Amino acid sequence: MKIFWDYSEKELEKSKSGKVKKLERMINYGPGKEKIKLTEVKKYWEKLNLNTNARRLFELLIWGKYQSSPTNKKKLFIK
């Protein structure tokens, strides 16, 4: 049994919220030896609380475009 932060992995797999927590941590802090399943990411996408950069990267990789808008909408002008 592998301890995943302050929860055991078996306990996380029992509930939907546990699966979301595990997936969030794998994306935000690295998956370790496991692989992140694309189907699970798509399934729980709206419930995932991800780092902004990770969210934008995954949007680009999965759907080929950004779905969320950037927080800073100001344009950069260089003279």
Protein backbone atom coordinates (compact mmCIF):
# COMPACT_ATOMS: atom_id res chain seq x y z
CA MET A 1 0.00 0.00 0.00
CA LYS A 2 1.42 3.35 -1.04
CA ILE A 3 0.80 6.43 1.10
CA PHE A 4 -0.21 9.37 -1.08
CA TRP A 5 0.39 12.45 1.03
CA ASP A 6 -1.82 12.20 4.11
CA TYR A 7 -4.23 9.66 2.64
CA SER A 8 -3.77 6.03 1.72
CA GLU A 9 -4.19 5.24 -1.96
CA LYS A 10 -6.85 2.60 -1.28
CA GLU A 11 -8.96 5.12 0.63
CA LEU A 12 -8.70 7.66 -2.20
CA GLU A 13 -9.89 5.15 -4.79
CA LYS A 14 -13.13 4.48 -2.89
CA SER A 15 -14.84 7.79 -3.61
CA LYS A 16 -15.21 10.16 -6.53
CA SER A 17 -13.78 13.08 -4.52
CA GLY A 18 -10.80 10.90 -3.59
CA LYS A 19 -10.12 10.14 -7.24
CA VAL A 20 -10.25 13.85 -8.02
CA LYS A 21 -7.79 14.64 -5.19
CA LYS A 22 -5.39 11.97 -6.37
CA LEU A 23 -5.58 13.18 -9.97
CA GLU A 24 -5.04 16.82 -8.92
CA ARG A 25 -1.95 15.90 -6.97
CA MET A 26 -0.55 13.78 -9.78
CA ILE A 27 -0.93 16.69 -12.21
CA ASN A 28 0.25 19.47 -9.90
CA TYR A 29 3.18 17.65 -8.27
CA GLY A 30 4.12 14.94 -10.77
CA PRO A 31 2.74 11.45 -11.31
CA GLY A 32 5.73 9.54 -9.90
CA LYS A 33 5.85 6.07 -11.46
CA GLU A 34 2.18 6.02 -12.43
CA LYS A 35 0.77 7.36 -15.68
CA ILE A 36 -2.00 9.94 -15.75
CA LYS A 37 -5.00 8.53 -17.62
CA LEU A 38 -6.41 10.88 -20.25
CA THR A 39 -9.91 9.50 -19.80
CA GLU A 40 -9.88 10.38 -16.10
CA VAL A 41 -8.58 13.88 -16.76
CA LYS A 42 -11.38 14.50 -19.27
CA LYS A 43 -13.98 12.94 -16.97
CA TYR A 44 -13.10 15.07 -13.92
CA TRP A 45 -11.85 18.19 -15.79
CA GLU A 46 -14.44 20.61 -14.37
CA LYS A 47 -13.79 19.42 -10.80
CA LEU A 48 -9.98 19.61 -10.91
CA ASN A 49 -8.34 22.42 -8.98
CA LEU A 50 -5.12 22.83 -10.96
CA ASN A 51 -2.23 25.21 -11.09
CA THR A 52 -3.04 27.85 -13.76
CA ASN A 53 -0.10 26.92 -15.96
CA ALA A 54 -0.83 23.20 -15.68
CA ARG A 55 -4.49 23.80 -16.59
CA ARG A 56 -3.55 25.82 -19.68
CA LEU A 57 -0.96 23.25 -20.77
CA PHE A 58 -3.41 20.38 -20.40
CA GLU A 59 -6.08 22.31 -22.33
CA LEU A 60 -3.63 22.80 -25.16
CA LEU A 61 -2.49 19.17 -25.15
CA ILE A 62 -5.92 17.59 -24.82
CA TRP A 63 -8.16 19.83 -26.92
CA GLY A 64 -5.59 21.69 -29.04
CA LYS A 65 -6.79 25.10 -27.83
CA TYR A 66 -7.25 27.08 -24.65
CA GLN A 67 -10.69 26.83 -23.10
CA SER A 68 -10.09 29.14 -20.17
CA SER A 69 -9.32 32.78 -20.66
CA PRO A 70 -6.07 34.22 -19.34
CA THR A 71 -6.33 36.21 -16.12
CA ASN A 72 -4.39 39.15 -17.53
CA LYS A 73 -6.07 40.46 -20.67
CA LYS A 74 -3.81 43.46 -21.11
CA LYS A 75 -1.84 43.54 -24.34
CA LEU A 76 1.87 43.94 -24.30
CA PHE A 77 3.15 46.69 -26.55
CA ILE A 78 6.85 47.00 -27.23
CA LYS A 79 8.14 50.25 -28.67
